[in-house]
Amino acid sequence: MADGAAPERTTLAWQRTALTVLAGALLVSRLTLDALGPAAFVVVVVAIPLALWVLVESRLRHRRGHPQGGRSAAVLTVAVVALALTELGALLRSW
């Protein structure tokens, strides 16, 4: 494992990012509830497991000393795309 604080900072950054995506999913779901109805909760159902996976993966990667792979970035991309599509659906529905 690399010496210094860089690995710990990287782990914390991934964890903050995952928590931000989770909070964004809850917020988008709440704000689009009127426009989409119960379908607005789909984004939460998608984002919660993905964000939790990134949280656990970042911590395990830090403990094992493995370098950053592309899986966490791909998982967070899927969650952000789900957020964007939900908001886009609410926007189009309100027109």
N, C-alpha and C. Protein backbone atom coordinates (compact mmCIF):
# COMPACT_ATOMS: atom_id res chain seq x y z
N MET A 1 0.85 -1.18 0.00
CA MET A 1 0.00 0.00 0.00
C MET A 1 0.89 1.24 0.00
N ALA A 2 0.42 2.28 -0.65
CA ALA A 2 1.20 3.51 -0.75
C ALA A 2 1.26 4.22 0.60
N ASP A 3 2.40 4.87 0.83
CA ASP A 3 2.55 5.64 2.07
C ASP A 3 1.89 7.00 1.90
N GLY A 4 1.61 7.62 3.03
CA GLY A 4 1.04 8.97 3.00
C GLY A 4 -0.47 8.96 3.14
N ALA A 5 -1.03 10.15 3.00
CA ALA A 5 -2.47 10.32 3.21
C ALA A 5 -3.28 10.23 1.93
N ALA A 6 -2.62 10.11 0.78
CA ALA A 6 -3.34 10.09 -0.49
C ALA A 6 -4.37 8.96 -0.59
N PRO A 7 -4.04 7.72 -0.21
CA PRO A 7 -5.05 6.66 -0.30
C PRO A 7 -6.27 6.92 0.59
N GLU A 8 -6.02 7.45 1.78
CA GLU A 8 -7.14 7.76 2.68
C GLU A 8 -8.01 8.88 2.10
N ARG A 9 -7.38 9.88 1.53
CA ARG A 9 -8.14 10.98 0.91
C ARG A 9 -8.96 10.49 -0.27
N THR A 10 -8.39 9.59 -1.06
CA THR A 10 -9.11 9.03 -2.20
C THR A 10 -10.32 8.23 -1.73
N THR A 11 -10.14 7.43 -0.70
CA THR A 11 -11.24 6.66 -0.14
C THR A 11 -12.35 7.58 0.35
N LEU A 12 -11.97 8.60 1.07
CA LEU A 12 -12.97 9.55 1.58
C LEU A 12 -13.69 10.28 0.45
N ALA A 13 -12.97 10.60 -0.60
CA ALA A 13 -13.59 11.27 -1.75
C ALA A 13 -14.63 10.37 -2.41
N TRP A 14 -14.30 9.09 -2.57
CA TRP A 14 -15.27 8.16 -3.16
C TRP A 14 -16.49 8.01 -2.25
N GLN A 15 -16.27 7.97 -0.95
CA GLN A 15 -17.39 7.84 -0.03
C GLN A 15 -18.28 9.08 -0.05
N ARG A 16 -17.68 10.26 -0.10
CA ARG A 16 -18.47 11.50 -0.20
C ARG A 16 -19.27 11.54 -1.50
N THR A 17 -18.66 11.09 -2.57
CA THR A 17 -19.35 11.08 -3.85
C THR A 17 -20.54 10.13 -3.82
N ALA A 18 -20.36 8.95 -3.26
CA ALA A 18 -21.46 7.98 -3.16
C ALA A 18 -22.59 8.52 -2.29
N LEU A 19 -22.26 9.15 -1.18
CA LEU A 19 -23.30 9.72 -0.32
C LEU A 19 -24.01 10.88 -1.01
N THR A 20 -23.29 11.65 -1.81
CA THR A 20 -23.91 12.75 -2.55
C THR A 20 -24.88 12.22 -3.59
N VAL A 21 -24.52 11.16 -4.28
CA VAL A 21 -25.43 10.56 -5.26
C VAL A 21 -26.67 10.01 -4.55
N LEU A 22 -26.47 9.40 -3.41
CA LEU A 22 -27.61 8.89 -2.64
C LEU A 22 -28.54 10.02 -2.21
N ALA A 23 -27.98 11.10 -1.69
CA ALA A 23 -28.80 12.25 -1.28
C ALA A 23 -29.49 12.87 -2.50
N GLY A 24 -28.78 12.94 -3.62
CA GLY A 24 -29.39 13.46 -4.84
C GLY A 24 -30.55 12.60 -5.31
N ALA A 25 -30.41 11.29 -5.19
CA ALA A 25 -31.50 10.39 -5.58
C ALA A 25 -32.73 10.61 -4.71
N LEU A 26 -32.52 10.77 -3.41
CA LEU A 26 -33.66 11.02 -2.52
C LEU A 26 -34.31 12.36 -2.83
N LEU A 27 -33.52 13.36 -3.13
CA LEU A 27 -34.04 14.68 -3.44
C LEU A 27 -34.80 14.69 -4.77
N VAL A 28 -34.21 14.10 -5.79
CA VAL A 28 -34.89 14.05 -7.09
C VAL A 28 -36.18 13.26 -6.99
N SER A 29 -36.15 12.16 -6.25
CA SER A 29 -37.37 11.37 -6.07
C SER A 29 -38.46 12.18 -5.39
N ARG A 30 -38.10 12.92 -4.38
CA ARG A 30 -39.08 13.74 -3.66
C ARG A 30 -39.62 14.86 -4.54
N LEU A 31 -38.75 15.51 -5.31
CA LEU A 31 -39.17 16.63 -6.14
C LEU A 31 -39.97 16.21 -7.37
N THR A 32 -39.78 14.98 -7.84
CA THR A 32 -40.50 14.52 -9.02
C THR A 32 -41.71 13.66 -8.67
N LEU A 33 -42.01 13.52 -7.41
CA LEU A 33 -43.13 12.68 -6.98
C LEU A 33 -44.45 13.15 -7.57
N ASP A 34 -44.69 14.46 -7.59
CA ASP A 34 -45.95 14.97 -8.13
C ASP A 34 -46.09 14.69 -9.62
N ALA A 35 -45.00 14.82 -10.36
CA ALA A 35 -45.06 14.65 -11.81
C ALA A 35 -45.09 13.17 -12.22
N LEU A 36 -44.35 12.33 -11.52
CA LEU A 36 -44.21 10.93 -11.94
C LEU A 36 -44.96 9.94 -11.07
N GLY A 37 -45.43 10.37 -9.93
CA GLY A 37 -46.10 9.44 -9.03
C GLY A 37 -45.12 8.45 -8.43
N PRO A 38 -45.59 7.24 -8.16
CA PRO A 38 -44.70 6.23 -7.55
C PRO A 38 -43.50 5.85 -8.41
N ALA A 39 -43.56 6.13 -9.71
CA ALA A 39 -42.41 5.82 -10.58
C ALA A 39 -41.18 6.64 -10.19
N ALA A 40 -41.38 7.73 -9.46
CA ALA A 40 -40.25 8.56 -9.02
C ALA A 40 -39.36 7.81 -8.04
N PHE A 41 -39.88 6.78 -7.41
CA PHE A 41 -39.08 6.03 -6.44
C PHE A 41 -38.16 5.02 -7.11
N VAL A 42 -38.32 4.82 -8.42
CA VAL A 42 -37.44 3.89 -9.13
C VAL A 42 -35.99 4.35 -9.03
N VAL A 43 -35.77 5.66 -9.11
CA VAL A 43 -34.40 6.17 -9.03
C VAL A 43 -33.79 5.86 -7.67
N VAL A 44 -34.59 5.89 -6.62
CA VAL A 44 -34.08 5.56 -5.28
C VAL A 44 -33.75 4.07 -5.20
N VAL A 45 -34.60 3.25 -5.79
CA VAL A 45 -34.38 1.81 -5.77
C VAL A 45 -33.10 1.45 -6.54
N VAL A 46 -32.79 2.22 -7.58
CA VAL A 46 -31.56 1.98 -8.34
C VAL A 46 -30.35 2.57 -7.61
N ALA A 47 -30.49 3.78 -7.09
CA ALA A 47 -29.34 4.51 -6.55
C ALA A 47 -28.88 3.98 -5.18
N ILE A 48 -29.78 3.56 -4.33
CA ILE A 48 -29.39 3.11 -2.99
C ILE A 48 -28.41 1.94 -3.04
N PRO A 49 -28.74 0.84 -3.74
CA PRO A 49 -27.76 -0.26 -3.76
C PRO A 49 -26.45 0.12 -4.45
N LEU A 50 -26.54 0.94 -5.50
CA LEU A 50 -25.31 1.33 -6.20
C LEU A 50 -24.42 2.19 -5.30
N ALA A 51 -25.01 3.15 -4.62
CA ALA A 51 -24.23 4.02 -3.73
C ALA A 51 -23.65 3.21 -2.56
N LEU A 52 -24.43 2.31 -2.00
CA LEU A 52 -23.92 1.47 -0.91
C LEU A 52 -22.78 0.58 -1.38
N TRP A 53 -22.89 0.07 -2.61
CA TRP A 53 -21.82 -0.75 -3.14
C TRP A 53 -20.53 0.06 -3.27
N VAL A 54 -20.63 1.30 -3.77
CA VAL A 54 -19.44 2.15 -3.91
C VAL A 54 -18.84 2.45 -2.54
N LEU A 55 -19.68 2.69 -1.54
CA LEU A 55 -19.17 2.93 -0.18
C LEU A 55 -18.37 1.74 0.33
N VAL A 56 -18.94 0.56 0.21
CA VAL A 56 -18.27 -0.65 0.70
C VAL A 56 -17.02 -0.94 -0.13
N GLU A 57 -17.14 -0.83 -1.43
CA GLU A 57 -16.01 -1.12 -2.32
C GLU A 57 -14.84 -0.18 -2.05
N SER A 58 -15.12 1.10 -1.83
CA SER A 58 -14.03 2.04 -1.58
C SER A 58 -13.30 1.72 -0.28
N ARG A 59 -14.05 1.34 0.73
CA ARG A 59 -13.42 0.99 2.01
C ARG A 59 -12.61 -0.30 1.90
N LEU A 60 -13.17 -1.30 1.23
CA LEU A 60 -12.44 -2.56 1.06
C LEU A 60 -11.19 -2.37 0.21
N ARG A 61 -11.30 -1.56 -0.84
CA ARG A 61 -10.15 -1.30 -1.70
C ARG A 61 -9.04 -0.62 -0.91
N HIS A 62 -9.41 0.30 -0.04
CA HIS A 62 -8.40 1.00 0.77
C HIS A 62 -7.71 0.02 1.72
N ARG A 63 -8.47 -0.86 2.33
CA ARG A 63 -7.87 -1.83 3.27
C ARG A 63 -6.94 -2.81 2.57
N ARG A 64 -7.33 -3.24 1.37
CA ARG A 64 -6.52 -4.21 0.64
C ARG A 64 -5.36 -3.56 -0.10
N GLY A 65 -5.43 -2.25 -0.33
CA GLY A 65 -4.37 -1.56 -1.04
C GLY A 65 -4.44 -1.70 -2.53
N HIS A 66 -5.61 -2.06 -3.05
CA HIS A 66 -5.76 -2.21 -4.50
C HIS A 66 -5.93 -0.85 -5.15
N PRO A 67 -5.41 -0.68 -6.34
CA PRO A 67 -5.60 0.60 -7.05
C PRO A 67 -7.04 0.77 -7.50
N GLN A 68 -7.38 2.00 -7.80
CA GLN A 68 -8.73 2.33 -8.25
C GLN A 68 -9.00 1.68 -9.60
N GLY A 69 -10.08 0.95 -9.68
CA GLY A 69 -10.49 0.36 -10.95
C GLY A 69 -11.58 1.21 -11.58
N GLY A 70 -12.17 0.74 -12.64
CA GLY A 70 -13.20 1.49 -13.32
C GLY A 70 -14.60 1.15 -12.89
N ARG A 71 -14.75 0.12 -12.05
CA ARG A 71 -16.11 -0.30 -11.66
C ARG A 71 -16.85 0.76 -10.86
N SER A 72 -16.19 1.39 -9.91
CA SER A 72 -16.86 2.39 -9.09
C SER A 72 -17.32 3.57 -9.94
N ALA A 73 -16.49 4.00 -10.85
CA ALA A 73 -16.88 5.10 -11.74
C ALA A 73 -18.05 4.70 -12.62
N ALA A 74 -18.06 3.47 -13.12
CA ALA A 74 -19.16 3.01 -13.95
C ALA A 74 -20.46 2.92 -13.15
N VAL A 75 -20.37 2.43 -11.93
CA VAL A 75 -21.56 2.30 -11.09
C VAL A 75 -22.13 3.68 -10.76
N LEU A 76 -21.28 4.62 -10.42
CA LEU A 76 -21.76 5.97 -10.14
C LEU A 76 -22.32 6.64 -11.39
N THR A 77 -21.76 6.33 -12.56
CA THR A 77 -22.31 6.86 -13.80
C THR A 77 -23.72 6.35 -14.04
N VAL A 78 -23.95 5.08 -13.78
CA VAL A 78 -25.30 4.52 -13.93
C VAL A 78 -26.27 5.22 -12.99
N ALA A 79 -25.86 5.46 -11.76
CA ALA A 79 -26.74 6.14 -10.80
C ALA A 79 -27.05 7.57 -11.22
N VAL A 80 -26.04 8.29 -11.71
CA VAL A 80 -26.27 9.68 -12.14
C VAL A 80 -27.14 9.72 -13.39
N VAL A 81 -26.97 8.78 -14.30
CA VAL A 81 -27.83 8.72 -15.49
C VAL A 81 -29.27 8.42 -15.08
N ALA A 82 -29.46 7.55 -14.10
CA ALA A 82 -30.82 7.28 -13.61
C ALA A 82 -31.44 8.55 -13.01
N LEU A 83 -30.64 9.32 -12.29
CA LEU A 83 -31.14 10.59 -11.75
C LEU A 83 -31.53 11.54 -12.87
N ALA A 84 -30.69 11.66 -13.86
CA ALA A 84 -30.95 12.57 -14.98
C ALA A 84 -32.19 12.16 -15.76
N LEU A 85 -32.36 10.87 -16.01
CA LEU A 85 -33.53 10.40 -16.74
C LEU A 85 -34.82 10.61 -15.95
N THR A 86 -34.74 10.45 -14.64
CA THR A 86 -35.91 10.70 -13.81
C THR A 86 -36.31 12.17 -13.87
N GLU A 87 -35.34 13.04 -13.76
CA GLU A 87 -35.63 14.47 -13.82
C GLU A 87 -36.13 14.86 -15.21
N LEU A 88 -35.55 14.30 -16.24
CA LEU A 88 -36.00 14.56 -17.61
C LEU A 88 -37.43 14.09 -17.82
N GLY A 89 -37.74 12.90 -17.28
CA GLY A 89 -39.12 12.40 -17.37
C GLY A 89 -40.11 13.33 -16.67
N ALA A 90 -39.75 13.84 -15.53
CA ALA A 90 -40.62 14.77 -14.81
C ALA A 90 -40.79 16.07 -15.58
N LEU A 91 -39.71 16.54 -16.19
CA LEU A 91 -39.76 17.77 -16.97
C LEU A 91 -40.66 17.61 -18.19
N LEU A 92 -40.49 16.51 -18.91
CA LEU A 92 -41.32 16.27 -20.09
C LEU A 92 -42.78 16.05 -19.72
N ARG A 93 -43.01 15.41 -18.60
CA ARG A 93 -44.38 15.16 -18.14
C ARG A 93 -45.10 16.46 -17.76
N SER A 94 -44.35 17.43 -17.27
CA SER A 94 -44.97 18.68 -16.83
C SER A 94 -45.28 19.63 -17.98
N TRP A 95 -44.76 19.34 -19.18
CA TRP A 95 -45.04 20.21 -20.32
C TRP A 95 -46.42 20.04 -20.76
